[in-house]
Amino acid sequence: MLPFDDFQVETFLRTGEHEAALRAEFGDALYEDLANLAQNAAREAPLLEARRRKVFILPSIMGSRLSAIRNGQADLVWVHPSDLATGGIAKIKWGASVAATGTILAPYLRMKLRLTLAGFDAEFMPFDWRQSPAVAGKMLIDRIRNRDLTDVSLVCHSMGGLVARQMAAEDADRSLISRVVTIGTPNHGSYAPVQVFDLSHDMLGPLGFADLAHDRKTIVDKFLRGFPGLVEMMPDPEKRPDQTFFTRSFWPSGAVPPTSNSLRAARLGRSDLPTPDARFQQIIGTGEDTVIGADKTTNGFVYHRSFDGDGTVPRDLAEMGDVPRYYCEGAHGWLCNRSDVIAATIDLIGTGATHALDNTPRIRAVETVMPDVTSADLRLETLSALPPLKETDFAGAFLSGQTDITSPMSAIISDSPATDQSAYPRAVIDAASLRWKASDAERKTVIQSQHEARPLSAETPQRIDAYTRRLLTLVDAASANGQGRKLSRELETALEGLEAETPGAPPPTGATAAILVFPA
């Protein structure tokens, strides 16, 4: 846990102070990148002032630091490990006086610094994620009004995108908010809250381990199931009519669902939330092992899984409205750290369009269906002997990226014997085996092409297309600076050389063709 606020962290990244603590929180690679970005942003700040536009970054559920307010003083609870260890989560139970007092930085600081370097005045906008998106959205739009801001853009991760839908509706004349980019937003819900309430979500391992006063069942029963923000994010009954999570009788024994009154209120809150309007553009993650459905059994839920999602939000539950959509392959909690997502976000809030991401999802037919797993298989009473080390560990897949097997969190969820603390979950092993077998023919083709010195044949059309889309972005920028003719000639020469390496190759299509016909 970082004992510093957002401003202090950025300052220390520039000065090199508290390097050991920051490296422990971010990891070496992310720390190095953040330090470099922070130093560059500080040097270029005076040059950017004249053209800066305001951008607010709204984090995910559990992505804002929450403090209990007592006698006018803020007592940080989420995330403060020593406070959580003594049962501090009781301080932020539903009904308590709580305020959002910061942002969990690891998933979002890279985005903020790159937006700053791109010429925007980027600022975090944390919120009380216990609240429903509608309540949080009304509070945040008031903050913008009170600061007399206009023409602001919103960059929203996960639940932040739901909050932004209410904010946009409150700004009916569109004088305050000009553009909204949502990233990994569960517009029609997610199975992650369901897994919290049936005690199988990965966040409950570290949270239950750290809390010496409550076990994880008590944590869900007494605290988490009372948060409207979490309850409202369960799958939309209209999208999953056979999975009535908003009806108490649907839940199996062993689960700890919200009360009947909470479920009814959450269903109404979900249905009343305004839909995205023309200001919205969506970035959606795919290619990760994702729960896409659930059946009730006597032993709990049987979860159906596929790669058609970001590991937390299924693709079809993310897509909503008649708005532009872009897709990338990546894990939910780390989408805002991806270079292609950051580049696309900068384009979208700057110009309203981007070549950095595909506008159609990549769905590999052999990977769409994954082995099922029951919620009972995911519950593990014996936890690792090591405590969680980072803020993101407490939120699990809501905020974290891919699991690092060197981390103490790697053994939190496993159906292997408790003595084998390095094992992956069986479902993950099955998924990896399926993907490896399915890609056997593709790997052999690539190896053969490399042996025959045919580099283009070793690449898929999708990868070549993605590369040329990035080149298109460079061409657009060069054109705006009067350098388009020169760059266009250079690209044509390069592509002619590549074609010469592969005699008989089909004519270029898609983004590659667009490069060749670019008007100088």
Foldseek 3Di string as FASTA:
>chain_A
DDPDAPVVVLVCLQVVPPVVLVCLFQPDVLSVLSSVLSNVLVVCVVVLVVQAAEEEEEEAQLFFFKFFADPNDTHTVQPDLVCLQAVNLLSVFPPTRMWGDHGQPNQASSLQSVLSVLRYPYDYDYGNLLEALLVRLVVVLVVQVVVVAFAYEYEYAASRVLNVLNVVVVVVVRGHYQAYEYEAYLLQAWCQLVLLQLVQHLLQLQSQVSHNPDHSNCCVQRGVLSRLSSLLRHGHCVVVVVQPLLDPVSWEPSGRHHDNVSSVVSNVSSVPRHFDDARYEYEFEFQDWGFDDWDQDNLGIWTWTFRQGQHIHHPVSRDDDDYQYFYDYFHRQNQNVDPLSSQQVSCCSVPNGALSTHRDDDDDVLGGTFDIDGSVLFDDPDAQPDHDRYSVSNVHSSHDGDDDLVGSSQQSTANDDSVPSSDHHPRVVRSVVSVVVVCVVLVVQLVVCVVVQLNVSNDDLVVVLSVLSVVVVVLVVCVVVVNNVVSLVVLLVVVVVNCVSPPPDDDDDHSSVCSNPPDD
